[in-house]
Amino acid sequence: MKEKKRNSKIKWIDPDDVPELTAEWFRSADLYDGDRLIRRGRPAGTAKKKSTTVRFDEDVLLHFRKMGKGWQTKMNEALREWLYGHAR
């Protein structure tokens, strides 16, 4: 007589216990092309930027910060405009 096999090592998961797959779940899910993970979000910029620490007067910072999102880019553009306007 054959011996009765024991339960498998893989624990069974009830499909009813799986969380609901909502639109939000799909929006936040990772996207793959084969084995390659496709990165989401803004791609890396082409301009080479250098991180530095600079001290500005409070009124200057407040002025640019009031412009809202992208204030640092606007400050960079203002400095570049000044630089090229005063080139010798």
PDB file of N, CA and C in Angstrom:
ATOM      1  N   MET A   1       0.835  -1.164   0.000  1.00  0.00           N
ATOM      2  CA  MET A   1       0.000   0.000   0.000  1.00  0.00           C
ATOM      3  C   MET A   1       0.887   1.236   0.000  1.00  0.00           C
ATOM      4  N   LYS A   2       0.463   2.245  -0.800  1.00  0.00           N
ATOM      5  CA  LYS A   2       1.238   3.464  -0.887  1.00  0.00           C
ATOM      6  C   LYS A   2       1.013   4.311   0.348  1.00  0.00           C
ATOM      7  N   GLU A   3       2.102   5.009   0.734  1.00  0.00           N
ATOM      8  CA  GLU A   3       2.012   5.897   1.889  1.00  0.00           C
ATOM      9  C   GLU A   3       1.309   7.194   1.475  1.00  0.00           C
ATOM     10  N   LYS A   4       0.463   7.718   2.323  1.00  0.00           N
ATOM     11  CA  LYS A   4      -0.278   8.938   2.044  1.00  0.00           C
ATOM     12  C   LYS A   4       0.680  10.134   2.123  1.00  0.00           C
ATOM     13  N   LYS A   5       0.620  11.009   1.102  1.00  0.00           N
ATOM     14  CA  LYS A   5       1.507  12.168   1.066  1.00  0.00           C
ATOM     15  C   LYS A   5       1.041  13.220   2.054  1.00  0.00           C
ATOM     16  N   ARG A   6       2.018  13.899   2.648  1.00  0.00           N
ATOM     17  CA  ARG A   6       1.746  14.997   3.569  1.00  0.00           C
ATOM     18  C   ARG A   6       1.308  16.229   2.769  1.00  0.00           C
ATOM     19  N   ASN A   7       0.817  17.226   3.474  1.00  0.00           N
ATOM     20  CA  ASN A   7       0.439  18.486   2.826  1.00  0.00           C
ATOM     21  C   ASN A   7       1.658  19.123   2.174  1.00  0.00           C
ATOM     22  N   SER A   8       1.424  19.867   1.130  1.00  0.00           N
ATOM     23  CA  SER A   8       2.542  20.527   0.451  1.00  0.00           C
ATOM     24  C   SER A   8       3.127  21.615   1.349  1.00  0.00           C
ATOM     25  N   LYS A   9       4.369  22.029   1.035  1.00  0.00           N
ATOM     26  CA  LYS A   9       5.038  23.044   1.827  1.00  0.00           C
ATOM     27  C   LYS A   9       4.471  24.435   1.543  1.00  0.00           C
ATOM     28  N   ILE A  10       3.835  24.604   0.394  1.00  0.00           N
ATOM     29  CA  ILE A  10       3.262  25.890   0.032  1.00  0.00           C
ATOM     30  C   ILE A  10       1.910  26.044   0.736  1.00  0.00           C
ATOM     31  N   LYS A  11       1.812  27.134   1.485  1.00  0.00           N
ATOM     32  CA  LYS A  11       0.580  27.382   2.210  1.00  0.00           C
ATOM     33  C   LYS A  11      -0.446  27.966   1.246  1.00  0.00           C
ATOM     34  N   TRP A  12      -1.627  27.427   1.252  1.00  0.00           N
ATOM     35  CA  TRP A  12      -2.679  27.870   0.364  1.00  0.00           C
ATOM     36  C   TRP A  12      -3.233  29.202   0.854  1.00  0.00           C
ATOM     37  N   ILE A  13      -3.440  30.119  -0.081  1.00  0.00           N
ATOM     38  CA  ILE A  13      -4.014  31.421   0.248  1.00  0.00           C
ATOM     39  C   ILE A  13      -5.373  31.515  -0.421  1.00  0.00           C
ATOM     40  N   ASP A  14      -6.353  31.844   0.364  1.00  0.00           N
ATOM     41  CA  ASP A  14      -7.717  31.963  -0.151  1.00  0.00           C
ATOM     42  C   ASP A  14      -7.802  33.176  -1.078  1.00  0.00           C
ATOM     43  N   PRO A  15      -8.231  33.004  -2.332  1.00  0.00           N
ATOM     44  CA  PRO A  15      -8.332  34.135  -3.255  1.00  0.00           C
ATOM     45  C   PRO A  15      -9.259  35.242  -2.749  1.00  0.00           C
ATOM     46  N   ASP A  16     -10.187  34.910  -1.879  1.00  0.00           N
ATOM     47  CA  ASP A  16     -11.096  35.924  -1.334  1.00  0.00           C
ATOM     48  C   ASP A  16     -10.379  36.869  -0.371  1.00  0.00           C
ATOM     49  N   ASP A  17      -9.186  36.487   0.099  1.00  0.00           N
ATOM     50  CA  ASP A  17      -8.423  37.332   1.018  1.00  0.00           C
ATOM     51  C   ASP A  17      -7.533  38.351   0.297  1.00  0.00           C
ATOM     52  N   VAL A  18      -7.483  38.289  -1.022  1.00  0.00           N
ATOM     53  CA  VAL A  18      -6.646  39.204  -1.796  1.00  0.00           C
ATOM     54  C   VAL A  18      -7.264  40.595  -1.747  1.00  0.00           C
ATOM     55  N   PRO A  19      -6.445  41.643  -1.552  1.00  0.00           N
ATOM     56  CA  PRO A  19      -7.003  43.001  -1.529  1.00  0.00           C
ATOM     57  C   PRO A  19      -7.627  43.369  -2.872  1.00  0.00           C
ATOM     58  N   GLU A  20      -8.576  44.273  -2.833  1.00  0.00           N
ATOM     59  CA  GLU A  20      -9.251  44.711  -4.047  1.00  0.00           C
ATOM     60  C   GLU A  20      -8.269  45.492  -4.923  1.00  0.00           C
ATOM     61  N   LEU A  21      -8.294  45.210  -6.216  1.00  0.00           N
ATOM     62  CA  LEU A  21      -7.409  45.898  -7.152  1.00  0.00           C
ATOM     63  C   LEU A  21      -8.148  47.117  -7.695  1.00  0.00           C
ATOM     64  N   THR A  22      -7.847  48.268  -7.108  1.00  0.00           N
ATOM     65  CA  THR A  22      -8.511  49.512  -7.471  1.00  0.00           C
ATOM     66  C   THR A  22      -7.698  50.262  -8.520  1.00  0.00           C
ATOM     67  N   ALA A  23      -8.283  51.318  -9.063  1.00  0.00           N
ATOM     68  CA  ALA A  23      -7.567  52.162 -10.028  1.00  0.00           C
ATOM     69  C   ALA A  23      -6.321  52.759  -9.373  1.00  0.00           C
ATOM     70  N   GLU A  24      -6.417  53.131  -8.105  1.00  0.00           N
ATOM     71  CA  GLU A  24      -5.266  53.683  -7.366  1.00  0.00           C
ATOM     72  C   GLU A  24      -4.138  52.653  -7.274  1.00  0.00           C
ATOM     73  N   TRP A  25      -4.491  51.397  -7.050  1.00  0.00           N
ATOM     74  CA  TRP A  25      -3.496  50.330  -6.958  1.00  0.00           C
ATOM     75  C   TRP A  25      -2.744  50.213  -8.285  1.00  0.00           C
ATOM     76  N   PHE A  26      -3.467  50.253  -9.401  1.00  0.00           N
ATOM     77  CA  PHE A  26      -2.820  50.145 -10.704  1.00  0.00           C
ATOM     78  C   PHE A  26      -1.970  51.371 -11.012  1.00  0.00           C
ATOM     79  N   ARG A  27      -2.409  52.577 -10.597  1.00  0.00           N
ATOM     80  CA  ARG A  27      -1.617  53.796 -10.821  1.00  0.00           C
ATOM     81  C   ARG A  27      -0.281  53.742 -10.088  1.00  0.00           C
ATOM     82  N   SER A  28      -0.268  53.126  -8.901  1.00  0.00           N
ATOM     83  CA  SER A  28       0.958  53.115  -8.101  1.00  0.00           C
ATOM     84  C   SER A  28       1.816  51.866  -8.335  1.00  0.00           C
ATOM     85  N   ALA A  29       1.348  50.952  -9.168  1.00  0.00           N
ATOM     86  CA  ALA A  29       2.077  49.702  -9.395  1.00  0.00           C
ATOM     87  C   ALA A  29       3.321  49.949 -10.251  1.00  0.00           C
ATOM     88  N   ASP A  30       4.346  49.123 -10.067  1.00  0.00           N
ATOM     89  CA  ASP A  30       5.554  49.201 -10.878  1.00  0.00           C
ATOM     90  C   ASP A  30       5.241  48.684 -12.280  1.00  0.00           C
ATOM     91  N   LEU A  31       5.859  49.278 -13.268  1.00  0.00           N
ATOM     92  CA  LEU A  31       5.652  48.897 -14.659  1.00  0.00           C
ATOM     93  C   LEU A  31       6.941  48.273 -15.179  1.00  0.00           C
ATOM     94  N   TYR A  32       6.822  47.089 -15.768  1.00  0.00           N
ATOM     95  CA  TYR A  32       7.987  46.367 -16.283  1.00  0.00           C
ATOM     96  C   TYR A  32       7.859  46.151 -17.785  1.00  0.00           C
ATOM     97  N   ASP A  33       8.983  46.201 -18.469  1.00  0.00           N
ATOM     98  CA  ASP A  33       9.083  45.804 -19.867  1.00  0.00           C
ATOM     99  C   ASP A  33       9.994  44.587 -19.854  1.00  0.00           C
ATOM    100  N   GLY A  34       9.402  43.407 -19.822  1.00  0.00           N
ATOM    101  CA  GLY A  34      10.183  42.185 -19.615  1.00  0.00           C
ATOM    102  C   GLY A  34      10.703  42.189 -18.193  1.00  0.00           C
ATOM    103  N   ASP A  35      12.019  42.094 -18.031  1.00  0.00           N
ATOM    104  CA  ASP A  35      12.637  42.124 -16.701  1.00  0.00           C
ATOM    105  C   ASP A  35      13.077  43.526 -16.299  1.00  0.00           C
ATOM    106  N   ARG A  36      12.937  44.504 -17.194  1.00  0.00           N
ATOM    107  CA  ARG A  36      13.420  45.862 -16.938  1.00  0.00           C
ATOM    108  C   ARG A  36      12.324  46.716 -16.320  1.00  0.00           C
ATOM    109  N   LEU A  37      12.625  47.307 -15.162  1.00  0.00           N
ATOM    110  CA  LEU A  37      11.697  48.211 -14.489  1.00  0.00           C
ATOM    111  C   LEU A  37      11.709  49.543 -15.214  1.00  0.00           C
ATOM    112  N   ILE A  38      10.533  50.020 -15.588  1.00  0.00           N
ATOM    113  CA  ILE A  38      10.415  51.314 -16.256  1.00  0.00           C
ATOM    114  C   ILE A  38      10.205  52.358 -15.172  1.00  0.00           C
ATOM    115  N   ARG A  39      11.125  53.310 -15.119  1.00  0.00           N
ATOM    116  CA  ARG A  39      11.065  54.357 -14.101  1.00  0.00           C
ATOM    117  C   ARG A  39       9.957  55.330 -14.428  1.00  0.00           C
ATOM    118  N   ARG A  40       9.258  55.773 -13.391  1.00  0.00           N
ATOM    119  CA  ARG A  40       8.197  56.750 -13.573  1.00  0.00           C
ATOM    120  C   ARG A  40       8.681  58.110 -13.123  1.00  0.00           C
ATOM    121  N   GLY A  41       7.917  59.120 -13.472  1.00  0.00           N
ATOM    122  CA  GLY A  41       8.246  60.456 -13.030  1.00  0.00           C
ATOM    123  C   GLY A  41       9.085  61.203 -14.037  1.00  0.00           C
ATOM    124  N   ARG A  42       9.568  62.318 -13.608  1.00  0.00           N
ATOM    125  CA  ARG A  42      10.334  63.207 -14.470  1.00  0.00           C
ATOM    126  C   ARG A  42      11.709  62.614 -14.753  1.00  0.00           C
ATOM    127  N   PRO A  43      12.103  62.550 -16.022  1.00  0.00           N
ATOM    128  CA  PRO A  43      13.430  62.013 -16.333  1.00  0.00           C
ATOM    129  C   PRO A  43      14.528  62.973 -15.883  1.00  0.00           C
ATOM    130  N   ALA A  44      15.706  62.450 -15.752  1.00  0.00           N
ATOM    131  CA  ALA A  44      16.845  63.272 -15.354  1.00  0.00           C
ATOM    132  C   ALA A  44      17.068  64.359 -16.393  1.00  0.00           C
ATOM    133  N   GLY A  45      17.375  65.539 -15.946  1.00  0.00           N
ATOM    134  CA  GLY A  45      17.596  66.664 -16.845  1.00  0.00           C
ATOM    135  C   GLY A  45      18.891  66.532 -17.620  1.00  0.00           C
ATOM    136  N   THR A  46      18.979  67.289 -18.694  1.00  0.00           N
ATOM    137  CA  THR A  46      20.186  67.235 -19.517  1.00  0.00           C
ATOM    138  C   THR A  46      21.222  68.241 -19.038  1.00  0.00           C
ATOM    139  N   ALA A  47      20.776  69.292 -18.372  1.00  0.00           N
ATOM    140  CA  ALA A  47      21.705  70.314 -17.885  1.00  0.00           C
ATOM    141  C   ALA A  47      22.461  69.786 -16.668  1.00  0.00           C
ATOM    142  N   LYS A  48      23.736  70.066 -16.653  1.00  0.00           N
ATOM    143  CA  LYS A  48      24.545  69.651 -15.509  1.00  0.00           C
ATOM    144  C   LYS A  48      24.437  70.729 -14.437  1.00  0.00           C
ATOM    145  N   LYS A  49      23.893  70.366 -13.304  1.00  0.00           N
ATOM    146  CA  LYS A  49      23.730  71.321 -12.205  1.00  0.00           C
ATOM    147  C   LYS A  49      24.685  70.935 -11.087  1.00  0.00           C
ATOM    148  N   LYS A  50      25.080  71.908 -10.339  1.00  0.00           N
ATOM    149  CA  LYS A  50      26.012  71.711  -9.237  1.00  0.00           C
ATOM    150  C   LYS A  50      25.308  72.146  -7.951  1.00  0.00           C
ATOM    151  N   SER A  51      25.325  71.310  -6.955  1.00  0.00           N
ATOM    152  CA  SER A  51      24.737  71.645  -5.669  1.00  0.00           C
ATOM    153  C   SER A  51      25.715  72.508  -4.876  1.00  0.00           C
ATOM    154  N   THR A  52      25.179  73.570  -4.273  1.00  0.00           N
ATOM    155  CA  THR A  52      26.017  74.476  -3.511  1.00  0.00           C
ATOM    156  C   THR A  52      25.187  75.110  -2.400  1.00  0.00           C
ATOM    157  N   THR A  53      25.837  75.780  -1.505  1.00  0.00           N
ATOM    158  CA  THR A  53      25.150  76.516  -0.446  1.00  0.00           C
ATOM    159  C   THR A  53      25.424  77.993  -0.657  1.00  0.00           C
ATOM    160  N   VAL A  54      24.354  78.768  -0.755  1.00  0.00           N
ATOM    161  CA  VAL A  54      24.459  80.209  -0.977  1.00  0.00           C
ATOM    162  C   VAL A  54      23.552  80.892   0.033  1.00  0.00           C
ATOM    163  N   ARG A  55      24.000  82.028   0.523  1.00  0.00           N
ATOM    164  CA  ARG A  55      23.191  82.783   1.477  1.00  0.00           C
ATOM    165  C   ARG A  55      22.636  84.023   0.774  1.00  0.00           C
ATOM    166  N   PHE A  56      21.292  84.184   0.850  1.00  0.00           N
ATOM    167  CA  PHE A  56      20.612  85.332   0.261  1.00  0.00           C
ATOM    168  C   PHE A  56      19.913  86.108   1.361  1.00  0.00           C
ATOM    169  N   ASP A  57      19.684  87.392   1.110  1.00  0.00           N
ATOM    170  CA  ASP A  57      18.895  88.193   2.040  1.00  0.00           C
ATOM    171  C   ASP A  57      17.476  87.629   2.077  1.00  0.00           C
ATOM    172  N   GLU A  58      16.846  87.759   3.237  1.00  0.00           N
ATOM    173  CA  GLU A  58      15.523  87.179   3.434  1.00  0.00           C
ATOM    174  C   GLU A  58      14.489  87.743   2.464  1.00  0.00           C
ATOM    175  N   ASP A  59      14.550  89.053   2.185  1.00  0.00           N
ATOM    176  CA  ASP A  59      13.560  89.647   1.283  1.00  0.00           C
ATOM    177  C   ASP A  59      13.695  89.105  -0.145  1.00  0.00           C
ATOM    178  N   VAL A  60      14.917  88.803  -0.568  1.00  0.00           N
ATOM    179  CA  VAL A  60      15.124  88.240  -1.904  1.00  0.00           C
ATOM    180  C   VAL A  60      14.511  86.842  -1.971  1.00  0.00           C
ATOM    181  N   LEU A  61      14.785  86.030  -0.969  1.00  0.00           N
ATOM    182  CA  LEU A  61      14.213  84.683  -0.939  1.00  0.00           C
ATOM    183  C   LEU A  61      12.694  84.717  -0.892  1.00  0.00           C
ATOM    184  N   LEU A  62      12.133  85.584  -0.060  1.00  0.00           N
ATOM    185  CA  LEU A  62      10.672  85.680   0.044  1.00  0.00           C
ATOM    186  C   LEU A  62      10.059  86.051  -1.298  1.00  0.00           C
ATOM    187  N   HIS A  63      10.696  86.968  -2.005  1.00  0.00           N
ATOM    188  CA  HIS A  63      10.200  87.397  -3.313  1.00  0.00           C
ATOM    189  C   HIS A  63      10.098  86.197  -4.264  1.00  0.00           C
ATOM    190  N   PHE A  64      11.154  85.404  -4.354  1.00  0.00           N
ATOM    191  CA  PHE A  64      11.149  84.268  -5.273  1.00  0.00           C
ATOM    192  C   PHE A  64      10.234  83.151  -4.780  1.00  0.00           C
ATOM    193  N   ARG A  65      10.200  82.896  -3.491  1.00  0.00           N
ATOM    194  CA  ARG A  65       9.337  81.836  -2.960  1.00  0.00           C
ATOM    195  C   ARG A  65       7.858  82.147  -3.159  1.00  0.00           C
ATOM    196  N   LYS A  66       7.498  83.418  -3.177  1.00  0.00           N
ATOM    197  CA  LYS A  66       6.099  83.803  -3.420  1.00  0.00           C
ATOM    198  C   LYS A  66       5.655  83.427  -4.829  1.00  0.00           C
ATOM    199  N   MET A  67       6.603  83.202  -5.726  1.00  0.00           N
ATOM    200  CA  MET A  67       6.272  82.807  -7.095  1.00  0.00           C
ATOM    201  C   MET A  67       5.714  81.389  -7.161  1.00  0.00           C
ATOM    202  N   GLY A  68       5.878  80.653  -6.082  1.00  0.00           N
ATOM    203  CA  GLY A  68       5.327  79.297  -6.032  1.00  0.00           C
ATOM    204  C   GLY A  68       6.287  78.251  -6.566  1.00  0.00           C
ATOM    205  N   LYS A  69       5.682  77.133  -6.985  1.00  0.00           N
ATOM    206  CA  LYS A  69       6.468  75.997  -7.462  1.00  0.00           C
ATOM    207  C   LYS A  69       7.391  76.423  -8.599  1.00  0.00           C
ATOM    208  N   GLY A  70       8.636  76.017  -8.535  1.00  0.00           N
ATOM    209  CA  GLY A  70       9.622  76.345  -9.553  1.00  0.00           C
ATOM    210  C   GLY A  70      10.370  77.636  -9.275  1.00  0.00           C
ATOM    211  N   TRP A  71      10.273  78.131  -8.041  1.00  0.00           N
ATOM    212  CA  TRP A  71      10.921  79.403  -7.715  1.00  0.00           C
ATOM    213  C   TRP A  71      12.436  79.335  -7.866  1.00  0.00           C
ATOM    214  N   GLN A  72      13.026  78.173  -7.601  1.00  0.00           N
ATOM    215  CA  GLN A  72      14.482  78.058  -7.734  1.00  0.00           C
ATOM    216  C   GLN A  72      14.912  78.166  -9.194  1.00  0.00           C
ATOM    217  N   THR A  73      14.116  77.590 -10.081  1.00  0.00           N
ATOM    218  CA  THR A  73      14.410  77.691 -11.506  1.00  0.00           C
ATOM    219  C   THR A  73      14.308  79.144 -11.958  1.00  0.00           C
ATOM    220  N   LYS A  74      13.287  79.848 -11.462  1.00  0.00           N
ATOM    221  CA  LYS A  74      13.121  81.259 -11.818  1.00  0.00           C
ATOM    222  C   LYS A  74      14.275  82.095 -11.287  1.00  0.00           C
ATOM    223  N   MET A  75      14.760  81.762 -10.096  1.00  0.00           N
ATOM    224  CA  MET A  75      15.904  82.481  -9.537  1.00  0.00           C
ATOM    225  C   MET A  75      17.144  82.218 -10.386  1.00  0.00           C
ATOM    226  N   ASN A  76      17.326  80.999 -10.823  1.00  0.00           N
ATOM    227  CA  ASN A  76      18.457  80.649 -11.679  1.00  0.00           C
ATOM    228  C   ASN A  76      18.391  81.419 -12.995  1.00  0.00           C
ATOM    229  N   GLU A  77      17.189  81.513 -13.565  1.00  0.00           N
ATOM    230  CA  GLU A  77      17.011  82.247 -14.816  1.00  0.00           C
ATOM    231  C   GLU A  77      17.321  83.736 -14.624  1.00  0.00           C
ATOM    232  N   ALA A  78      16.889  84.317 -13.503  1.00  0.00           N
ATOM    233  CA  ALA A  78      17.158  85.735 -13.225  1.00  0.00           C
ATOM    234  C   ALA A  78      18.660  85.978 -13.087  1.00  0.00           C
ATOM    235  N   LEU A  79      19.358  85.076 -12.411  1.00  0.00           N
ATOM    236  CA  LEU A  79      20.814  85.213 -12.267  1.00  0.00           C
ATOM    237  C   LEU A  79      21.516  85.077 -13.618  1.00  0.00           C
ATOM    238  N   ARG A  80      21.042  84.145 -14.440  1.00  0.00           N
ATOM    239  CA  ARG A  80      21.642  83.952 -15.771  1.00  0.00           C
ATOM    240  C   ARG A  80      21.399  85.186 -16.636  1.00  0.00           C
ATOM    241  N   GLU A  81      20.188  85.740 -16.580  1.00  0.00           N
ATOM    242  CA  GLU A  81      19.870  86.954 -17.344  1.00  0.00           C
ATOM    243  C   GLU A  81      20.787  88.106 -16.918  1.00  0.00           C
ATOM    244  N   TRP A  82      20.991  88.267 -15.639  1.00  0.00           N
ATOM    245  CA  TRP A  82      21.877  89.321 -15.121  1.00  0.00           C
ATOM    246  C   TRP A  82      23.301  89.072 -15.602  1.00  0.00           C
ATOM    247  N   LEU A  83      23.741  87.823 -15.529  1.00  0.00           N
ATOM    248  CA  LEU A  83      25.102  87.466 -15.916  1.00  0.00           C
ATOM    249  C   LEU A  83      25.371  87.823 -17.369  1.00  0.00           C
ATOM    250  N   TYR A  84      24.473  87.416 -18.276  1.00  0.00           N
ATOM    251  CA  TYR A  84      24.688  87.689 -19.703  1.00  0.00           C
ATOM    252  C   TYR A  84      24.465  89.154 -20.046  1.00  0.00           C
ATOM    253  N   GLY A  85      23.676  89.853 -19.239  1.00  0.00           N
ATOM    254  CA  GLY A  85      23.466  91.272 -19.461  1.00  0.00           C
ATOM    255  C   GLY A  85      24.657  92.113 -19.029  1.00  0.00           C
ATOM    256  N   HIS A  86      25.503  91.547 -18.171  1.00  0.00           N
ATOM    257  CA  HIS A  86      26.661  92.271 -17.646  1.00  0.00           C
ATOM    258  C   HIS A  86      27.997  91.668 -18.095  1.00  0.00           C
ATOM    259  N   ALA A  87      27.935  90.800 -19.092  1.00  0.00           N
ATOM    260  CA  ALA A  87      29.177  90.180 -19.576  1.00  0.00           C
ATOM    261  C   ALA A  87      30.054  91.208 -20.256  1.00  0.00           C
ATOM    262  N   ARG A  88      31.338  91.087 -20.071  1.00  0.00           N
ATOM    263  CA  ARG A  88      32.292  92.055 -20.644  1.00  0.00           C
ATOM    264  C   ARG A  88      33.108  91.404 -21.695  1.00  0.00           C
TER     265      ARG A  88
END
